[in-house]
Amino acid sequence: MSKWIDQIFESQIAKRGGVVRRKMSSIQRYTSLDEVKKEAERRGYHIIQHGDQWLIFCDTASVSIIV
């Protein structure tokens, strides 16, 4: 795992089970979308794409789109 991915998943907000937001272009610049996806999946987290952003839900609770 790259140092950049470590920074995402070891951030204070991630450790508290919060939502980490990253631009897809930033992810592609420093690592790959596939690597972030693999790490989130390994941890049991969910990722939602909204426009050019990835929202990474840093807990294992279910995610539902309401509207």
Protein backbone atom coordinates (compact mmCIF):
# COMPACT_ATOMS: atom_id res chain seq x y z
CA MET A 1 0.00 0.00 0.00
CA SER A 2 1.31 3.46 -0.84
CA LYS A 3 2.08 6.14 1.72
CA TRP A 4 -0.65 8.32 0.19
CA ILE A 5 -3.27 5.60 0.77
CA ASP A 6 -1.97 5.16 4.33
CA GLN A 7 -2.58 8.88 4.91
CA ILE A 8 -6.21 8.53 3.85
CA PHE A 9 -7.03 5.56 6.03
CA GLU A 10 -4.94 6.65 9.02
CA SER A 11 -6.34 10.20 9.12
CA GLN A 12 -8.16 11.30 12.27
CA ILE A 13 -11.52 11.42 10.49
CA ALA A 14 -11.04 7.88 9.15
CA LYS A 15 -10.05 6.61 12.59
CA ARG A 16 -13.26 8.11 14.01
CA GLY A 17 -15.33 6.32 11.38
CA GLY A 18 -16.03 9.46 9.38
CA VAL A 19 -16.26 10.17 5.68
CA VAL A 20 -13.09 11.00 3.73
CA ARG A 21 -13.53 12.89 0.46
CA ARG A 22 -10.94 12.90 -2.34
CA LYS A 23 -11.02 14.13 -5.93
CA MET A 24 -10.66 11.31 -8.40
CA SER A 25 -7.91 13.28 -10.18
CA SER A 26 -5.92 13.44 -6.91
CA ILE A 27 -6.27 9.72 -6.39
CA GLN A 28 -5.08 9.09 -9.95
CA ARG A 29 -2.17 11.51 -9.49
CA TYR A 30 -0.80 9.82 -6.34
CA THR A 31 -1.93 6.20 -6.68
CA SER A 32 -4.81 4.55 -8.56
CA LEU A 33 -8.55 4.29 -8.14
CA ASP A 34 -8.17 0.51 -8.09
CA GLU A 35 -5.69 0.60 -5.18
CA VAL A 36 -7.97 2.82 -3.07
CA LYS A 37 -10.92 0.61 -3.95
CA LYS A 38 -9.01 -2.53 -2.93
CA GLU A 39 -7.99 -1.04 0.42
CA ALA A 40 -11.52 0.18 1.19
CA GLU A 41 -12.92 -3.22 0.30
CA ARG A 42 -10.30 -4.98 2.45
CA ARG A 43 -11.42 -2.87 5.40
CA GLY A 44 -15.13 -3.41 4.68
CA TYR A 45 -15.68 0.28 3.85
CA HIS A 46 -17.90 1.76 1.15
CA ILE A 47 -17.07 4.29 -1.58
CA ILE A 48 -19.62 6.46 -3.34
CA GLN A 49 -18.76 8.57 -6.36
CA HIS A 50 -20.35 12.02 -6.50
CA GLY A 51 -19.26 14.01 -9.53
CA ASP A 52 -15.47 14.06 -9.51
CA GLN A 53 -15.26 13.11 -5.82
CA TRP A 54 -14.98 9.78 -4.04
CA LEU A 55 -16.62 9.67 -0.62
CA ILE A 56 -15.05 6.93 1.47
CA PHE A 57 -17.20 5.85 4.43
CA CYS A 58 -14.65 4.69 7.00
CA ASP A 59 -16.80 2.24 8.90
CA THR A 60 -18.61 -0.98 8.09
CA ALA A 61 -22.18 0.31 8.51
CA SER A 62 -24.50 -0.13 5.55
CA VAL A 63 -24.96 2.75 3.11
CA SER A 64 -28.27 3.66 1.50
CA ILE A 65 -29.17 6.35 -1.01
CA ILE A 66 -32.45 7.85 0.21
CA VAL A 67 -33.41 10.23 -2.61
